[in-house]
Amino acid sequence: MSTQVEQQQDFFKVVHERHSVRYYDPAVKISKQELEEILQEATLAPSSSNLQPWRFLVIDDQDLKGKLLPIAYNQQQVVDASAVIAVLGDMNWYQEGEKIYSKSVEAGYMSEDVKKQMMSTVENGYHHMDEARKKKIVHIDGGLISMQLMLVARAKGYDTVPMGGYDAAKFNEMFQIPAHYENIMLIALGKAAKPGHPTVRLSVDEVTHWNSMK
């Protein structure tokens, strides 16, 4: 069964209705076009210097999802969800600076002078940054886009679950992930067969300090 859900929802409703779903209707197949639309909206997420280090591998072939299943410790959502999206981080992401900033100039969002300043930051900063700091940036930006992707999916009437429980080394080998890509997470995406169960949260008072951590 193929489905395309077009919904405009109140943002706060989307936030409150998003739950991690682990049981999916295997009959629901999200089209490539709609997956691309979800990814397009997700890429509006912020990133360090707008350099967008995220990369995606969309796995919607059933045979490949079957091969992914043991790598993901036999979590059934891998095969029942319409797709599994691997969110990856390109450790050479800053090399796209010239392309990104040139497009910004063409679009009228940035002057040539600002582009030169930004490129100077890229060349003098990111190029010489140590690996630990690079990984931190890539993982922060990867987390930002992952959350945005899940909210976009929920706004379209779909469900997701972020997955950190998988063998990254075997995943990289199976799917021929380039060595300079970091694993951020897998996100199963589809239509819930069972709703995600409600969860509790610590109160704002329990997690927040004002002006000092004392």
C-alpha atoms as a PDB file:
ATOM      1  CA  MET A   1       0.000   0.000   0.000  1.00  0.00           C
ATOM      2  CA  SER A   2       1.375   3.408  -0.965  1.00  0.00           C
ATOM      3  CA  THR A   3       0.412   6.522   0.933  1.00  0.00           C
ATOM      4  CA  GLN A   4       1.161  10.204   0.835  1.00  0.00           C
ATOM      5  CA  VAL A   5       0.017  12.290   3.745  1.00  0.00           C
ATOM      6  CA  GLU A   6      -0.196  16.058   3.320  1.00  0.00           C
ATOM      7  CA  GLN A   7      -0.844  17.770   6.610  1.00  0.00           C
ATOM      8  CA  GLN A   8      -0.218  21.205   8.028  1.00  0.00           C
ATOM      9  CA  GLN A   9      -0.216  21.001  11.798  1.00  0.00           C
ATOM     10  CA  ASP A  10       0.292  23.400  14.657  1.00  0.00           C
ATOM     11  CA  PHE A  11       3.951  23.219  15.704  1.00  0.00           C
ATOM     12  CA  PHE A  12       3.204  22.528  19.348  1.00  0.00           C
ATOM     13  CA  LYS A  13       0.823  19.730  18.391  1.00  0.00           C
ATOM     14  CA  VAL A  14       3.612  18.172  16.330  1.00  0.00           C
ATOM     15  CA  VAL A  15       6.035  18.438  19.249  1.00  0.00           C
ATOM     16  CA  HIS A  16       3.576  16.862  21.681  1.00  0.00           C
ATOM     17  CA  GLU A  17       2.536  14.078  19.304  1.00  0.00           C
ATOM     18  CA  ARG A  18       6.040  13.003  18.346  1.00  0.00           C
ATOM     19  CA  HIS A  19       6.935   9.797  20.147  1.00  0.00           C
ATOM     20  CA  SER A  20       9.527   7.150  19.439  1.00  0.00           C
ATOM     21  CA  VAL A  21       7.623   4.394  17.618  1.00  0.00           C
ATOM     22  CA  ARG A  22       8.977   0.855  17.416  1.00  0.00           C
ATOM     23  CA  TYR A  23       6.067  -0.950  15.771  1.00  0.00           C
ATOM     24  CA  TYR A  24       5.354  -0.073  12.132  1.00  0.00           C
ATOM     25  CA  ASP A  25       2.800  -1.057   9.516  1.00  0.00           C
ATOM     26  CA  PRO A  26       4.904  -2.928   6.921  1.00  0.00           C
ATOM     27  CA  ALA A  27       2.224  -2.332   4.258  1.00  0.00           C
ATOM     28  CA  VAL A  28       2.855   1.430   4.241  1.00  0.00           C
ATOM     29  CA  LYS A  29       5.463   2.485   1.691  1.00  0.00           C
ATOM     30  CA  ILE A  30       6.513   6.128   1.555  1.00  0.00           C
ATOM     31  CA  SER A  31       7.374   7.229  -1.972  1.00  0.00           C
ATOM     32  CA  LYS A  32      10.860   8.411  -2.939  1.00  0.00           C
ATOM     33  CA  GLN A  33       9.369  11.811  -3.754  1.00  0.00           C
ATOM     34  CA  GLU A  34       7.932  12.250  -0.285  1.00  0.00           C
ATOM     35  CA  LEU A  35      11.115  11.001   1.380  1.00  0.00           C
ATOM     36  CA  GLU A  36      12.994  13.621  -0.631  1.00  0.00           C
ATOM     37  CA  GLU A  37      10.503  16.277   0.530  1.00  0.00           C
ATOM     38  CA  ILE A  38      11.051  15.287   4.159  1.00  0.00           C
ATOM     39  CA  LEU A  39      14.817  15.451   3.720  1.00  0.00           C
ATOM     40  CA  GLN A  40      14.569  18.793   1.937  1.00  0.00           C
ATOM     41  CA  GLU A  41      12.652  20.334   4.828  1.00  0.00           C
ATOM     42  CA  ALA A  42      15.057  18.775   7.316  1.00  0.00           C
ATOM     43  CA  THR A  43      18.036  20.419   5.615  1.00  0.00           C
ATOM     44  CA  LEU A  44      16.728  23.809   6.748  1.00  0.00           C
ATOM     45  CA  ALA A  45      18.260  22.953  10.130  1.00  0.00           C
ATOM     46  CA  PRO A  46      21.082  25.210  11.324  1.00  0.00           C
ATOM     47  CA  SER A  47      24.738  24.202  11.085  1.00  0.00           C
ATOM     48  CA  SER A  48      28.095  25.650  12.016  1.00  0.00           C
ATOM     49  CA  SER A  49      28.886  28.432   9.501  1.00  0.00           C
ATOM     50  CA  ASN A  50      26.062  26.999   7.357  1.00  0.00           C
ATOM     51  CA  LEU A  51      28.473  24.332   6.090  1.00  0.00           C
ATOM     52  CA  GLN A  52      25.903  21.520   6.393  1.00  0.00           C
ATOM     53  CA  PRO A  53      28.031  18.452   7.234  1.00  0.00           C
ATOM     54  CA  TRP A  54      25.098  16.022   7.142  1.00  0.00           C
ATOM     55  CA  ARG A  55      24.872  13.251   4.587  1.00  0.00           C
ATOM     56  CA  PHE A  56      22.089  10.666   4.288  1.00  0.00           C
ATOM     57  CA  LEU A  57      21.832   7.067   3.218  1.00  0.00           C
ATOM     58  CA  VAL A  58      18.177   6.128   2.667  1.00  0.00           C
ATOM     59  CA  ILE A  59      17.576   2.394   2.900  1.00  0.00           C
ATOM     60  CA  ASP A  60      14.121   1.451   1.611  1.00  0.00           C
ATOM     61  CA  ASP A  61      14.934  -1.746  -0.287  1.00  0.00           C
ATOM     62  CA  GLN A  62      13.415  -4.635   1.653  1.00  0.00           C
ATOM     63  CA  ASP A  63      16.318  -7.017   1.036  1.00  0.00           C
ATOM     64  CA  LEU A  64      18.807  -4.431   2.273  1.00  0.00           C
ATOM     65  CA  LYS A  65      16.682  -3.733   5.342  1.00  0.00           C
ATOM     66  CA  GLY A  66      16.804  -7.476   6.004  1.00  0.00           C
ATOM     67  CA  LYS A  67      20.599  -7.362   5.877  1.00  0.00           C
ATOM     68  CA  LEU A  68      20.582  -4.360   8.188  1.00  0.00           C
ATOM     69  CA  LEU A  69      18.406  -6.170  10.754  1.00  0.00           C
ATOM     70  CA  PRO A  70      21.185  -8.198  12.487  1.00  0.00           C
ATOM     71  CA  ILE A  71      23.539  -5.199  12.313  1.00  0.00           C
ATOM     72  CA  ALA A  72      20.873  -3.234  14.226  1.00  0.00           C
ATOM     73  CA  TYR A  73      20.617  -6.012  16.826  1.00  0.00           C
ATOM     74  CA  ASN A  74      17.403  -7.414  15.344  1.00  0.00           C
ATOM     75  CA  GLN A  75      15.240  -4.392  16.096  1.00  0.00           C
ATOM     76  CA  GLN A  76      12.078  -5.216  14.155  1.00  0.00           C
ATOM     77  CA  GLN A  77      11.375  -1.615  13.117  1.00  0.00           C
ATOM     78  CA  VAL A  78      14.302  -1.881  10.706  1.00  0.00           C
ATOM     79  CA  VAL A  79      12.359  -4.199   8.410  1.00  0.00           C
ATOM     80  CA  ASP A  80       8.801  -3.027   9.138  1.00  0.00           C
ATOM     81  CA  ALA A  81       9.330   0.714   8.726  1.00  0.00           C
ATOM     82  CA  SER A  82       9.051   2.143   5.238  1.00  0.00           C
ATOM     83  CA  ALA A  83      12.650   3.342   5.299  1.00  0.00           C
ATOM     84  CA  VAL A  84      15.674   3.604   7.535  1.00  0.00           C
ATOM     85  CA  ILE A  85      17.647   6.808   7.142  1.00  0.00           C
ATOM     86  CA  ALA A  86      21.282   6.743   8.175  1.00  0.00           C
ATOM     87  CA  VAL A  87      22.358  10.202   9.265  1.00  0.00           C
ATOM     88  CA  LEU A  88      26.074  10.604   8.640  1.00  0.00           C
ATOM     89  CA  GLY A  89      28.553  13.421   9.127  1.00  0.00           C
ATOM     90  CA  ASP A  90      31.185  14.268   6.524  1.00  0.00           C
ATOM     91  CA  MET A  91      34.449  15.047   8.313  1.00  0.00           C
ATOM     92  CA  ASN A  92      35.559  16.976   5.217  1.00  0.00           C
ATOM     93  CA  TRP A  93      32.380  19.051   5.206  1.00  0.00           C
ATOM     94  CA  TYR A  94      34.164  22.411   5.204  1.00  0.00           C
ATOM     95  CA  GLN A  95      35.468  21.692   1.693  1.00  0.00           C
ATOM     96  CA  GLU A  96      31.976  22.573   0.449  1.00  0.00           C
ATOM     97  CA  GLY A  97      32.386  26.162   1.639  1.00  0.00           C
ATOM     98  CA  GLU A  98      33.177  27.625  -1.777  1.00  0.00           C
ATOM     99  CA  LYS A  99      30.113  25.979  -3.333  1.00  0.00           C
ATOM    100  CA  ILE A 100      27.739  26.957  -0.517  1.00  0.00           C
ATOM    101  CA  TYR A 101      28.877  30.557  -0.201  1.00  0.00           C
ATOM    102  CA  SER A 102      28.942  31.055  -3.984  1.00  0.00           C
ATOM    103  CA  LYS A 103      25.301  29.953  -4.095  1.00  0.00           C
ATOM    104  CA  SER A 104      24.545  32.413  -1.294  1.00  0.00           C
ATOM    105  CA  VAL A 105      26.104  35.213  -3.342  1.00  0.00           C
ATOM    106  CA  GLU A 106      24.103  34.178  -6.431  1.00  0.00           C
ATOM    107  CA  ALA A 107      20.907  34.171  -4.373  1.00  0.00           C
ATOM    108  CA  GLY A 108      21.625  37.660  -3.067  1.00  0.00           C
ATOM    109  CA  TYR A 109      21.992  36.490   0.533  1.00  0.00           C
ATOM    110  CA  MET A 110      25.665  37.360   0.814  1.00  0.00           C
ATOM    111  CA  SER A 111      28.071  39.867  -0.722  1.00  0.00           C
ATOM    112  CA  GLU A 112      31.404  38.906  -2.234  1.00  0.00           C
ATOM    113  CA  ASP A 113      33.153  40.617   0.677  1.00  0.00           C
ATOM    114  CA  VAL A 114      31.240  38.559   3.214  1.00  0.00           C
ATOM    115  CA  LYS A 115      31.959  35.417   1.187  1.00  0.00           C
ATOM    116  CA  LYS A 116      35.689  36.188   1.347  1.00  0.00           C
ATOM    117  CA  GLN A 117      35.444  36.638   5.112  1.00  0.00           C
ATOM    118  CA  MET A 118      33.582  33.357   5.491  1.00  0.00           C
ATOM    119  CA  MET A 119      36.082  31.509   3.305  1.00  0.00           C
ATOM    120  CA  SER A 120      38.909  32.936   5.389  1.00  0.00           C
ATOM    121  CA  THR A 121      37.245  31.482   8.479  1.00  0.00           C
ATOM    122  CA  VAL A 122      36.943  28.118   6.745  1.00  0.00           C
ATOM    123  CA  GLU A 123      40.527  28.072   5.538  1.00  0.00           C
ATOM    124  CA  ASN A 124      42.101  29.365   8.746  1.00  0.00           C
ATOM    125  CA  GLY A 125      39.763  27.638  11.172  1.00  0.00           C
ATOM    126  CA  TYR A 126      38.212  24.386  10.066  1.00  0.00           C
ATOM    127  CA  HIS A 127      41.145  23.213   7.942  1.00  0.00           C
ATOM    128  CA  HIS A 128      43.497  23.369  10.920  1.00  0.00           C
ATOM    129  CA  MET A 129      41.087  22.208  13.582  1.00  0.00           C
ATOM    130  CA  ASP A 130      41.910  19.057  15.541  1.00  0.00           C
ATOM    131  CA  GLU A 131      39.880  15.911  14.905  1.00  0.00           C
ATOM    132  CA  ALA A 132      38.094  15.964  18.264  1.00  0.00           C
ATOM    133  CA  ARG A 133      36.683  19.453  17.639  1.00  0.00           C
ATOM    134  CA  LYS A 134      35.691  18.505  14.095  1.00  0.00           C
ATOM    135  CA  LYS A 135      33.821  15.461  15.372  1.00  0.00           C
ATOM    136  CA  LYS A 136      32.034  17.576  17.971  1.00  0.00           C
ATOM    137  CA  ILE A 137      30.794  19.975  15.284  1.00  0.00           C
ATOM    138  CA  VAL A 138      29.704  17.152  13.002  1.00  0.00           C
ATOM    139  CA  HIS A 139      27.806  15.400  15.796  1.00  0.00           C
ATOM    140  CA  ILE A 140      26.114  18.576  17.029  1.00  0.00           C
ATOM    141  CA  ASP A 141      24.975  19.482  13.513  1.00  0.00           C
ATOM    142  CA  GLY A 142      23.972  15.868  12.866  1.00  0.00           C
ATOM    143  CA  GLY A 143      21.821  15.921  15.988  1.00  0.00           C
ATOM    144  CA  LEU A 144      20.152  19.163  14.938  1.00  0.00           C
ATOM    145  CA  ILE A 145      19.123  17.845  11.540  1.00  0.00           C
ATOM    146  CA  SER A 146      18.032  14.498  12.984  1.00  0.00           C
ATOM    147  CA  MET A 147      15.578  16.187  15.332  1.00  0.00           C
ATOM    148  CA  GLN A 148      14.312  18.408  12.535  1.00  0.00           C
ATOM    149  CA  LEU A 149      13.827  15.379  10.288  1.00  0.00           C
ATOM    150  CA  MET A 150      11.740  13.629  12.941  1.00  0.00           C
ATOM    151  CA  LEU A 151       9.552  16.690  13.476  1.00  0.00           C
ATOM    152  CA  VAL A 152       9.026  17.127   9.725  1.00  0.00           C
ATOM    153  CA  ALA A 153       8.028  13.469   9.451  1.00  0.00           C
ATOM    154  CA  ARG A 154       5.536  13.874  12.304  1.00  0.00           C
ATOM    155  CA  ALA A 155       4.085  17.011  10.670  1.00  0.00           C
ATOM    156  CA  LYS A 156       3.449  14.899   7.564  1.00  0.00           C
ATOM    157  CA  GLY A 157       1.662  12.252   9.617  1.00  0.00           C
ATOM    158  CA  TYR A 158       4.506   9.752   9.852  1.00  0.00           C
ATOM    159  CA  ASP A 159       6.379   8.270  12.784  1.00  0.00           C
ATOM    160  CA  THR A 160      10.037   7.796  13.598  1.00  0.00           C
ATOM    161  CA  VAL A 161      12.454   6.383  16.111  1.00  0.00           C
ATOM    162  CA  PRO A 162      16.107   7.415  16.464  1.00  0.00           C
ATOM    163  CA  MET A 163      18.447   4.464  16.801  1.00  0.00           C
ATOM    164  CA  GLY A 164      21.945   4.500  18.238  1.00  0.00           C
ATOM    165  CA  GLY A 165      21.952   0.775  18.923  1.00  0.00           C
ATOM    166  CA  TYR A 166      23.683  -0.774  15.936  1.00  0.00           C
ATOM    167  CA  ASP A 167      27.131  -2.065  15.009  1.00  0.00           C
ATOM    168  CA  ALA A 168      28.641   0.933  13.244  1.00  0.00           C
ATOM    169  CA  ALA A 169      31.672  -0.981  11.969  1.00  0.00           C
ATOM    170  CA  LYS A 170      29.521  -3.671  10.351  1.00  0.00           C
ATOM    171  CA  PHE A 171      27.153  -1.022   9.020  1.00  0.00           C
ATOM    172  CA  ASN A 172      30.031   0.822   7.393  1.00  0.00           C
ATOM    173  CA  GLU A 173      31.310  -2.381   5.828  1.00  0.00           C
ATOM    174  CA  MET A 174      27.913  -3.536   4.567  1.00  0.00           C
ATOM    175  CA  PHE A 175      26.936  -0.198   3.029  1.00  0.00           C
ATOM    176  CA  GLN A 176      30.435   0.899   1.964  1.00  0.00           C
ATOM    177  CA  ILE A 177      30.388   4.089   4.013  1.00  0.00           C
ATOM    178  CA  PRO A 178      33.406   6.315   3.205  1.00  0.00           C
ATOM    179  CA  ALA A 179      36.040   6.376   5.930  1.00  0.00           C
ATOM    180  CA  HIS A 180      35.677  10.134   6.438  1.00  0.00           C
ATOM    181  CA  TYR A 181      31.977   9.810   7.352  1.00  0.00           C
ATOM    182  CA  GLU A 182      30.916   9.713  11.004  1.00  0.00           C
ATOM    183  CA  ASN A 183      27.920   7.657  12.096  1.00  0.00           C
ATOM    184  CA  ILE A 184      25.388   9.902  13.822  1.00  0.00           C
ATOM    185  CA  MET A 185      22.292   7.673  14.074  1.00  0.00           C
ATOM    186  CA  LEU A 186      19.743   5.603  12.183  1.00  0.00           C
ATOM    187  CA  ILE A 187      16.161   6.844  11.978  1.00  0.00           C
ATOM    188  CA  ALA A 188      13.358   4.394  11.195  1.00  0.00           C
ATOM    189  CA  LEU A 189      10.526   6.152   9.360  1.00  0.00           C
ATOM    190  CA  GLY A 190       7.040   4.907   8.565  1.00  0.00           C
ATOM    191  CA  LYS A 191       3.486   4.657   9.870  1.00  0.00           C
ATOM    192  CA  ALA A 192       2.883   3.364  13.374  1.00  0.00           C
ATOM    193  CA  ALA A 193       1.172   0.010  13.813  1.00  0.00           C
ATOM    194  CA  LYS A 194       1.070   0.749  17.543  1.00  0.00           C
ATOM    195  CA  PRO A 195       1.386   4.250  19.001  1.00  0.00           C
ATOM    196  CA  GLY A 196       4.518   5.185  20.868  1.00  0.00           C
ATOM    197  CA  HIS A 197       3.902   4.999  24.590  1.00  0.00           C
ATOM    198  CA  PRO A 198       3.702   8.214  26.622  1.00  0.00           C
ATOM    199  CA  THR A 199       6.778   9.148  28.615  1.00  0.00           C
ATOM    200  CA  VAL A 200       7.491  11.478  31.499  1.00  0.00           C
ATOM    201  CA  ARG A 201       9.991  14.315  31.566  1.00  0.00           C
ATOM    202  CA  LEU A 202      11.905  15.940  34.387  1.00  0.00           C
ATOM    203  CA  SER A 203      10.421  19.312  35.241  1.00  0.00           C
ATOM    204  CA  VAL A 204      12.031  22.528  34.044  1.00  0.00           C
ATOM    205  CA  ASP A 205      12.974  23.289  37.664  1.00  0.00           C
ATOM    206  CA  GLU A 206      14.845  19.989  37.871  1.00  0.00           C
ATOM    207  CA  VAL A 207      16.960  20.606  34.771  1.00  0.00           C
ATOM    208  CA  THR A 208      17.420  24.390  34.744  1.00  0.00           C
ATOM    209  CA  HIS A 209      19.594  26.855  36.625  1.00  0.00           C
ATOM    210  CA  TRP A 210      19.428  30.629  36.193  1.00  0.00           C
ATOM    211  CA  ASN A 211      22.634  32.640  35.842  1.00  0.00           C
ATOM    212  CA  SER A 212      24.677  30.258  38.010  1.00  0.00           C
ATOM    213  CA  MET A 213      24.940  26.488  38.507  1.00  0.00           C
ATOM    214  CA  LYS A 214      25.052  26.882  42.299  1.00  0.00           C
END
